[in-house]
C-alpha atoms as a PDB file:
ATOM      1  CA  MET A   1      -6.061 -59.811 -58.400  1.00  0.00           C
ATOM      2  CA  PRO A   2      -5.102 -61.482 -55.074  1.00  0.00           C
ATOM      3  CA  ALA A   3      -6.317 -59.418 -52.119  1.00  0.00           C
ATOM      4  CA  ALA A   4      -7.356 -59.807 -48.493  1.00  0.00           C
ATOM      5  CA  HIS A   5      -9.972 -57.088 -48.073  1.00  0.00           C
ATOM      6  CA  ASP A   6     -11.313 -58.394 -44.693  1.00  0.00           C
ATOM      7  CA  LEU A   7      -7.779 -58.640 -43.294  1.00  0.00           C
ATOM      8  CA  GLU A   8      -7.051 -55.121 -44.416  1.00  0.00           C
ATOM      9  CA  LYS A   9      -9.892 -53.895 -42.424  1.00  0.00           C
ATOM     10  CA  ILE A  10      -8.982 -56.016 -39.438  1.00  0.00           C
ATOM     11  CA  VAL A  11      -5.391 -54.605 -39.470  1.00  0.00           C
ATOM     12  CA  ILE A  12      -6.693 -51.030 -39.409  1.00  0.00           C
ATOM     13  CA  SER A  13      -9.223 -51.864 -36.763  1.00  0.00           C
ATOM     14  CA  SER A  14      -6.538 -53.273 -34.584  1.00  0.00           C
ATOM     15  CA  MET A  15      -4.408 -50.178 -35.049  1.00  0.00           C
ATOM     16  CA  TRP A  16      -7.472 -48.070 -34.133  1.00  0.00           C
ATOM     17  CA  GLN A  17      -8.374 -50.061 -30.985  1.00  0.00           C
ATOM     18  CA  GLU A  18      -4.852 -50.426 -29.554  1.00  0.00           C
ATOM     19  CA  PRO A  19      -2.676 -47.878 -31.282  1.00  0.00           C
ATOM     20  CA  ASP A  20       0.427 -48.077 -28.905  1.00  0.00           C
ATOM     21  CA  PHE A  21       0.542 -51.837 -29.324  1.00  0.00           C
ATOM     22  CA  ALA A  22      -0.630 -52.372 -32.963  1.00  0.00           C
ATOM     23  CA  ILE A  23       0.490 -49.325 -34.988  1.00  0.00           C
ATOM     24  CA  PRO A  24       4.237 -49.836 -34.600  1.00  0.00           C
ATOM     25  CA  LYS A  25       3.869 -53.624 -35.492  1.00  0.00           C
ATOM     26  CA  ALA A  26       1.787 -52.799 -38.608  1.00  0.00           C
ATOM     27  CA  MET A  27       4.096 -49.981 -39.692  1.00  0.00           C
ATOM     28  CA  ARG A  28       7.043 -52.439 -39.609  1.00  0.00           C
ATOM     29  CA  ILE A  29       5.350 -54.740 -42.109  1.00  0.00           C
ATOM     30  CA  LEU A  30       3.032 -52.686 -44.331  1.00  0.00           C
ATOM     31  CA  GLY A  31       2.929 -49.398 -46.304  1.00  0.00           C
ATOM     32  CA  ARG A  32       0.026 -47.643 -47.864  1.00  0.00           C
ATOM     33  CA  GLU A  33       0.740 -49.313 -51.257  1.00  0.00           C
ATOM     34  CA  ASP A  34       0.167 -52.717 -49.733  1.00  0.00           C
ATOM     35  CA  PHE A  35      -3.593 -52.086 -49.395  1.00  0.00           C
ATOM     36  CA  ASN A  36      -5.644 -53.210 -52.389  1.00  0.00           C
ATOM     37  CA  ILE A  37      -8.571 -50.905 -51.386  1.00  0.00           C
ATOM     38  CA  GLU A  38      -7.537 -47.299 -51.688  1.00  0.00           C
ATOM     39  CA  ALA A  39      -9.751 -46.194 -48.835  1.00  0.00           C
ATOM     40  CA  ASN A  40      -7.970 -48.725 -46.495  1.00  0.00           C
ATOM     41  CA  GLY A  41      -4.623 -47.389 -47.651  1.00  0.00           C
ATOM     42  CA  LEU A  42      -5.707 -43.864 -46.892  1.00  0.00           C
ATOM     43  CA  LEU A  43      -6.908 -44.854 -43.398  1.00  0.00           C
ATOM     44  CA  PHE A  44      -3.635 -46.742 -42.693  1.00  0.00           C
ATOM     45  CA  ALA A  45      -1.476 -43.783 -43.822  1.00  0.00           C
ATOM     46  CA  THR A  46      -3.623 -41.265 -41.714  1.00  0.00           C
ATOM     47  CA  LEU A  47      -3.391 -43.410 -38.607  1.00  0.00           C
ATOM     48  CA  CYS A  48       0.372 -43.767 -38.942  1.00  0.00           C
ATOM     49  CA  GLU A  49       0.801 -40.066 -39.582  1.00  0.00           C
ATOM     50  CA  GLU A  50      -1.262 -38.999 -36.558  1.00  0.00           C
ATOM     51  CA  PHE A  51       0.407 -41.558 -34.341  1.00  0.00           C
ATOM     52  CA  ASP A  52       3.900 -40.384 -35.372  1.00  0.00           C
ATOM     53  CA  ALA A  53       2.827 -36.827 -34.624  1.00  0.00           C
ATOM     54  CA  GLY A  54       1.632 -37.746 -31.146  1.00  0.00           C
ATOM     55  CA  LYS A  55      -1.907 -36.818 -31.970  1.00  0.00           C
ATOM     56  CA  ALA A  56      -5.182 -38.656 -31.060  1.00  0.00           C
ATOM     57  CA  THR A  57      -6.001 -41.678 -33.234  1.00  0.00           C
ATOM     58  CA  ASP A  58      -9.555 -42.384 -32.009  1.00  0.00           C
ATOM     59  CA  LEU A  59     -12.416 -42.661 -34.486  1.00  0.00           C
ATOM     60  CA  PRO A  60     -13.775 -39.131 -34.099  1.00  0.00           C
ATOM     61  CA  ALA A  61     -10.280 -37.564 -34.340  1.00  0.00           C
ATOM     62  CA  ILE A  62      -9.449 -39.457 -37.535  1.00  0.00           C
ATOM     63  CA  ALA A  63     -12.760 -38.708 -39.082  1.00  0.00           C
ATOM     64  CA  GLN A  64     -12.352 -34.972 -38.307  1.00  0.00           C
ATOM     65  CA  ARG A  65      -8.802 -35.096 -39.708  1.00  0.00           C
ATOM     66  CA  LEU A  66     -10.038 -36.623 -43.010  1.00  0.00           C
ATOM     67  CA  MET A  67     -12.863 -34.140 -43.120  1.00  0.00           C
ATOM     68  CA  ASP A  68     -10.540 -31.184 -42.658  1.00  0.00           C
ATOM     69  CA  ARG A  69      -8.437 -32.488 -45.580  1.00  0.00           C
ATOM     70  CA  GLY A  70     -11.428 -33.151 -47.822  1.00  0.00           C
ATOM     71  CA  GLN A  71     -10.605 -36.914 -47.843  1.00  0.00           C
ATOM     72  CA  LEU A  72     -13.576 -38.229 -45.959  1.00  0.00           C
ATOM     73  CA  ASP A  73     -15.310 -39.476 -49.037  1.00  0.00           C
ATOM     74  CA  ASP A  74     -12.117 -40.930 -50.365  1.00  0.00           C
ATOM     75  CA  ALA A  75     -11.906 -43.011 -47.137  1.00  0.00           C
ATOM     76  CA  GLY A  76     -15.399 -44.376 -47.733  1.00  0.00           C
ATOM     77  CA  GLY A  77     -17.382 -41.930 -45.643  1.00  0.00           C
ATOM     78  CA  PHE A  78     -18.184 -41.997 -41.938  1.00  0.00           C
ATOM     79  CA  GLY A  79     -20.272 -45.195 -42.288  1.00  0.00           C
ATOM     80  CA  TYR A  80     -17.265 -47.100 -43.762  1.00  0.00           C
ATOM     81  CA  LEU A  81     -15.035 -45.767 -41.019  1.00  0.00           C
ATOM     82  CA  THR A  82     -17.311 -47.153 -38.297  1.00  0.00           C
ATOM     83  CA  ASP A  83     -17.524 -50.517 -40.112  1.00  0.00           C
ATOM     84  CA  VAL A  84     -13.692 -50.720 -40.322  1.00  0.00           C
ATOM     85  CA  PHE A  85     -13.242 -49.621 -36.661  1.00  0.00           C
ATOM     86  CA  SER A  86     -15.323 -52.542 -35.374  1.00  0.00           C
ATOM     87  CA  ALA A  87     -13.839 -55.158 -37.762  1.00  0.00           C
ATOM     88  CA  ALA A  88     -11.367 -56.695 -35.308  1.00  0.00           C
ATOM     89  CA  ILE A  89     -12.167 -58.448 -32.090  1.00  0.00           C
ATOM     90  CA  GLY A  90      -8.762 -57.615 -30.622  1.00  0.00           C
ATOM     91  CA  ALA A  91      -5.283 -56.550 -31.738  1.00  0.00           C
ATOM     92  CA  ALA A  92      -3.357 -59.585 -30.477  1.00  0.00           C
ATOM     93  CA  HIS A  93      -2.831 -61.055 -33.985  1.00  0.00           C
ATOM     94  CA  VAL A  94      -2.191 -57.809 -35.867  1.00  0.00           C
ATOM     95  CA  GLU A  95       1.251 -58.993 -37.049  1.00  0.00           C
ATOM     96  CA  HIS A  96      -0.117 -62.186 -38.471  1.00  0.00           C
ATOM     97  CA  HIS A  97      -2.911 -60.337 -40.315  1.00  0.00           C
ATOM     98  CA  ALA A  98      -0.455 -57.721 -41.587  1.00  0.00           C
ATOM     99  CA  ARG A  99       1.753 -60.386 -43.075  1.00  0.00           C
ATOM    100  CA  GLN A 100      -1.207 -61.907 -44.917  1.00  0.00           C
ATOM    101  CA  VAL A 101      -1.992 -58.546 -46.379  1.00  0.00           C
ATOM    102  CA  ARG A 102       1.643 -58.139 -47.383  1.00  0.00           C
ATOM    103  CA  VAL A 103       1.662 -61.565 -49.113  1.00  0.00           C
ATOM    104  CA  LYS A 104      -1.308 -60.568 -51.283  1.00  0.00           C
ATOM    105  CA  SER A 105       0.459 -57.319 -52.100  1.00  0.00           C
ATOM    106  CA  ARG A 106       3.529 -59.263 -53.164  1.00  0.00           C
ATOM    107  CA  CYS A 107       1.426 -61.509 -55.352  1.00  0.00           C
ATOM    108  CA  ARG A 108      -0.124 -58.481 -57.060  1.00  0.00           C
ATOM    109  CA  ALA A 109       3.370 -57.070 -57.645  1.00  0.00           C
ATOM    110  CA  VAL A 110       4.655 -60.217 -59.313  1.00  0.00           C
ATOM    111  CA  ILE A 111       1.537 -60.462 -61.494  1.00  0.00           C
ATOM    112  CA  ASP A 112       1.917 -56.763 -62.476  1.00  0.00           C
ATOM    113  CA  ALA A 113       5.538 -57.336 -63.382  1.00  0.00           C
ATOM    114  CA  GLY A 114       4.527 -60.248 -65.649  1.00  0.00           C
ATOM    115  CA  LEU A 115       1.761 -58.358 -67.347  1.00  0.00           C
ATOM    116  CA  ARG A 116       4.035 -55.339 -68.047  1.00  0.00           C
ATOM    117  CA  GLY A 117       6.620 -57.694 -69.585  1.00  0.00           C
ATOM    118  CA  ILE A 118       4.014 -59.419 -71.755  1.00  0.00           C
ATOM    119  CA  ASN A 119       2.604 -56.188 -73.078  1.00  0.00           C
ATOM    120  CA  ALA A 120       6.070 -54.813 -73.773  1.00  0.00           C
ATOM    121  CA  LEU A 121       6.952 -57.928 -75.808  1.00  0.00           C
ATOM    122  CA  PHE A 122       3.719 -57.777 -77.763  1.00  0.00           C
ATOM    123  CA  ALA A 123       4.508 -54.154 -78.699  1.00  0.00           C
ATOM    124  CA  GLU A 124       8.180 -54.909 -79.558  1.00  0.00           C
ATOM    125  CA  PRO A 125       9.004 -58.635 -79.988  1.00  0.00           C
ATOM    126  CA  THR A 126      12.725 -58.317 -80.522  1.00  0.00           C
ATOM    127  CA  ALA A 127      15.744 -60.061 -78.932  1.00  0.00           C
ATOM    128  CA  GLU A 128      16.888 -56.748 -77.312  1.00  0.00           C
ATOM    129  CA  LYS A 129      13.468 -56.115 -75.836  1.00  0.00           C
ATOM    130  CA  LEU A 130      13.332 -59.711 -74.536  1.00  0.00           C
ATOM    131  CA  LYS A 131      16.601 -59.274 -72.603  1.00  0.00           C
ATOM    132  CA  GLU A 132      15.358 -55.897 -71.257  1.00  0.00           C
ATOM    133  CA  VAL A 133      12.057 -57.316 -70.143  1.00  0.00           C
ATOM    134  CA  ALA A 134      13.542 -60.467 -68.631  1.00  0.00           C
ATOM    135  CA  GLY A 135      15.903 -58.355 -66.527  1.00  0.00           C
ATOM    136  CA  SER A 136      13.056 -56.040 -65.467  1.00  0.00           C
ATOM    137  CA  ILE A 137      10.808 -58.918 -64.389  1.00  0.00           C
ATOM    138  CA  VAL A 138      13.597 -60.513 -62.374  1.00  0.00           C
ATOM    139  CA  ASP A 139      14.233 -57.188 -60.538  1.00  0.00           C
ATOM    140  CA  ASP A 140      10.497 -56.681 -59.830  1.00  0.00           C
ATOM    141  CA  VAL A 141      10.084 -60.237 -58.564  1.00  0.00           C
ATOM    142  CA  LEU A 142      13.128 -59.855 -56.249  1.00  0.00           C
ATOM    143  CA  ARG A 143      11.746 -56.653 -54.878  1.00  0.00           C
ATOM    144  CA  ALA A 144       8.348 -58.176 -54.340  1.00  0.00           C
ATOM    145  CA  THR A 145       9.829 -61.187 -52.439  1.00  0.00           C
ATOM    146  CA  LEU A 146      12.114 -59.230 -50.106  1.00  0.00           C
ATOM    147  CA  ASP A 147      11.840 -59.840 -46.382  1.00  0.00           C
ATOM    148  CA  GLU A 148       8.407 -58.944 -45.119  1.00  0.00           C
ATOM    149  CA  GLU A 149       9.801 -56.705 -42.406  1.00  0.00           C
ATOM    150  CA  ARG A 150       9.950 -53.394 -44.238  1.00  0.00           C
ATOM    151  CA  ALA A 151      13.705 -52.617 -43.998  1.00  0.00           C
ATOM    152  CA  LYS A 152      13.414 -53.664 -40.367  1.00  0.00           C
ATOM    153  CA  ILE A 153      11.648 -50.382 -39.530  1.00  0.00           C
ATOM    154  CA  VAL A 154      11.034 -49.967 -35.806  1.00  0.00           C
ATOM    155  CA  HIS A 155       9.037 -47.080 -34.302  1.00  0.00           C
ATOM    156  CA  ILE A 156      11.252 -44.752 -32.317  1.00  0.00           C
ATOM    157  CA  ARG A 157       9.210 -45.295 -29.098  1.00  0.00           C
ATOM    158  CA  GLU A 158       9.742 -49.097 -29.319  1.00  0.00           C
ATOM    159  CA  ALA A 159      13.507 -48.676 -30.054  1.00  0.00           C
ATOM    160  CA  ILE A 160      13.997 -46.236 -27.098  1.00  0.00           C
ATOM    161  CA  MET A 161      12.181 -48.549 -24.709  1.00  0.00           C
ATOM    162  CA  ASP A 162      14.161 -51.601 -25.874  1.00  0.00           C
ATOM    163  CA  GLY A 163      17.389 -49.611 -25.533  1.00  0.00           C
ATOM    164  CA  VAL A 164      16.598 -48.418 -22.051  1.00  0.00           C
ATOM    165  CA  GLN A 165      15.693 -51.914 -20.952  1.00  0.00           C
ATOM    166  CA  GLU A 166      19.031 -53.317 -22.300  1.00  0.00           C
ATOM    167  CA  LEU A 167      21.059 -50.560 -20.574  1.00  0.00           C
ATOM    168  CA  GLU A 168      19.259 -51.025 -17.257  1.00  0.00           C
ATOM    169  CA  GLU A 169      20.008 -54.823 -17.524  1.00  0.00           C
ATOM    170  CA  ALA A 170      23.655 -54.125 -18.330  1.00  0.00           C
ATOM    171  CA  ILE A 171      24.029 -51.722 -15.401  1.00  0.00           C
ATOM    172  CA  ALA A 172      22.239 -54.058 -13.038  1.00  0.00           C
ATOM    173  CA  ASN A 173      24.602 -56.856 -14.025  1.00  0.00           C
ATOM    174  CA  ARG A 174      27.622 -54.613 -13.819  1.00  0.00           C
ATOM    175  CA  GLY A 175      28.237 -54.908 -17.560  1.00  0.00           C
ATOM    176  CA  HIS A 176      28.141 -58.739 -17.641  1.00  0.00           C
ATOM    177  CA  VAL A 177      25.932 -60.526 -20.154  1.00  0.00           C
ATOM    178  CA  PRO A 178      22.545 -61.235 -18.464  1.00  0.00           C
ATOM    179  CA  GLY A 179      20.679 -64.454 -19.214  1.00  0.00           C
ATOM    180  CA  GLU A 180      22.145 -65.526 -22.602  1.00  0.00           C
ATOM    181  CA  ILE A 181      25.493 -66.671 -23.993  1.00  0.00           C
ATOM    182  CA  ALA A 182      28.685 -64.636 -23.661  1.00  0.00           C
ATOM    183  CA  THR A 183      31.322 -65.107 -26.485  1.00  0.00           C
ATOM    184  CA  GLY A 184      34.191 -64.454 -24.107  1.00  0.00           C
ATOM    185  CA  PHE A 185      35.381 -61.491 -26.224  1.00  0.00           C
ATOM    186  CA  THR A 186      34.979 -58.112 -24.597  1.00  0.00           C
ATOM    187  CA  ASP A 187      34.060 -56.058 -27.667  1.00  0.00           C
ATOM    188  CA  LEU A 188      31.652 -58.675 -29.080  1.00  0.00           C
ATOM    189  CA  ASP A 189      29.829 -59.044 -25.751  1.00  0.00           C
ATOM    190  CA  ARG A 190      29.675 -55.231 -25.408  1.00  0.00           C
ATOM    191  CA  MET A 191      28.155 -55.042 -28.837  1.00  0.00           C
ATOM    192  CA  PHE A 192      25.469 -57.702 -28.162  1.00  0.00           C
ATOM    193  CA  ILE A 193      24.934 -56.399 -24.516  1.00  0.00           C
ATOM    194  CA  GLN A 194      22.481 -59.330 -23.801  1.00  0.00           C
ATOM    195  CA  GLY A 195      24.734 -61.970 -25.369  1.00  0.00           C
ATOM    196  CA  LEU A 196      24.094 -64.363 -28.145  1.00  0.00           C
ATOM    197  CA  ARG A 197      20.399 -65.334 -28.350  1.00  0.00           C
ATOM    198  CA  ARG A 198      19.776 -69.048 -28.409  1.00  0.00           C
ATOM    199  CA  THR A 199      17.149 -68.753 -31.165  1.00  0.00           C
ATOM    200  CA  GLU A 200      19.277 -66.722 -33.553  1.00  0.00           C
ATOM    201  CA  ASN A 201      21.565 -67.770 -36.431  1.00  0.00           C
ATOM    202  CA  ILE A 202      24.616 -65.532 -36.627  1.00  0.00           C
ATOM    203  CA  THR A 203      26.835 -65.561 -39.697  1.00  0.00           C
ATOM    204  CA  ILE A 204      30.518 -64.781 -39.410  1.00  0.00           C
ATOM    205  CA  ALA A 205      31.487 -63.388 -42.813  1.00  0.00           C
ATOM    206  CA  GLY A 206      34.846 -62.187 -44.235  1.00  0.00           C
ATOM    207  CA  ASP A 207      37.444 -62.769 -46.880  1.00  0.00           C
ATOM    208  CA  THR A 208      39.523 -65.987 -47.221  1.00  0.00           C
ATOM    209  CA  SER A 209      42.085 -66.602 -44.453  1.00  0.00           C
ATOM    210  CA  MET A 210      40.757 -63.634 -42.300  1.00  0.00           C
ATOM    211  CA  GLY A 211      40.312 -65.918 -39.208  1.00  0.00           C
ATOM    212  CA  LYS A 212      36.606 -66.751 -39.314  1.00  0.00           C
ATOM    213  CA  THR A 213      37.034 -70.381 -38.338  1.00  0.00           C
ATOM    214  CA  SER A 214      39.585 -69.517 -35.618  1.00  0.00           C
ATOM    215  CA  LEU A 215      37.205 -66.980 -34.162  1.00  0.00           C
ATOM    216  CA  ALA A 216      34.307 -69.434 -34.211  1.00  0.00           C
ATOM    217  CA  VAL A 217      36.395 -72.137 -32.587  1.00  0.00           C
ATOM    218  CA  GLN A 218      37.639 -69.801 -29.822  1.00  0.00           C
ATOM    219  CA  ILE A 219      34.052 -68.585 -29.132  1.00  0.00           C
ATOM    220  CA  LEU A 220      32.981 -72.188 -28.891  1.00  0.00           C
ATOM    221  CA  ASN A 221      35.855 -72.888 -26.493  1.00  0.00           C
ATOM    222  CA  ASN A 222      35.018 -69.899 -24.332  1.00  0.00           C
ATOM    223  CA  ILE A 223      31.328 -70.886 -24.153  1.00  0.00           C
ATOM    224  CA  THR A 224      32.074 -74.503 -23.285  1.00  0.00           C
ATOM    225  CA  THR A 225      34.754 -73.827 -20.738  1.00  0.00           C
ATOM    226  CA  GLY A 226      33.237 -70.652 -19.309  1.00  0.00           C
ATOM    227  CA  THR A 227      36.523 -68.708 -19.814  1.00  0.00           C
ATOM    228  CA  GLY A 228      37.400 -65.691 -21.934  1.00  0.00           C
ATOM    229  CA  HIS A 229      38.463 -62.117 -21.685  1.00  0.00           C
ATOM    230  CA  TYR A 230      35.138 -60.471 -20.767  1.00  0.00           C
ATOM    231  CA  ARG A 231      35.401 -57.575 -18.248  1.00  0.00           C
ATOM    232  CA  GLN A 232      32.936 -55.063 -16.857  1.00  0.00           C
ATOM    233  CA  PHE A 233      31.809 -52.050 -18.889  1.00  0.00           C
ATOM    234  CA  TYR A 234      32.817 -49.786 -16.093  1.00  0.00           C
ATOM    235  CA  ASN A 235      34.359 -49.895 -12.670  1.00  0.00           C
ATOM    236  CA  PHE A 236      31.320 -48.811 -10.689  1.00  0.00           C
ATOM    237  CA  ASP A 237      33.243 -48.722  -7.422  1.00  0.00           C
ATOM    238  CA  GLN A 238      35.362 -45.812  -8.567  1.00  0.00           C
ATOM    239  CA  LYS A 239      34.654 -42.450 -10.024  1.00  0.00           C
END
């Protein structure tokens, strides 16, 4: 089956060496089930659990945690732990390596879906079973090819830091959009805080004749002319 065993070890090693940087990034992309080697999945899950709990994630601490749970042998023993710990040179590319591990996990999921369907049809080669298996395979393939960001999960520490930074920028700019593009509409600009990002594609969706085109044209007009209805979040000069 498709697998990236070396990259699995590198991802865990990166998480071990630079937990504050690497663990939130890896958690956003991977889950325990994405690791083909069970020992690697166990190490990943233990690191994430200890990090979430605010506990130490260094090698001796994780080894002791596994030993207390009777899972050290399941994780490959202390020798395997030291091998995994030293697998990565650094954590800078942890997201790239995690995505490669995720791709292999997707491939295995698609192959498993096909094999289950084949076995089911061998056991019961009927028209009804064919429809059932076809639908099941489609569902499994769609689930396997969802966006690699796992439901856009963001670690709470990262979310808080990003939120504080955005609020500080908004206050420093007296509520005006800093650095990026303002739509010219008060509520929209409040929602985005930092404005529309130049690298993002934003879809305006709605039913027929709800004003999507009119809104888009007016935003374009506000951007190009520098006009609009934007006002400050608060009047900082008055209580």
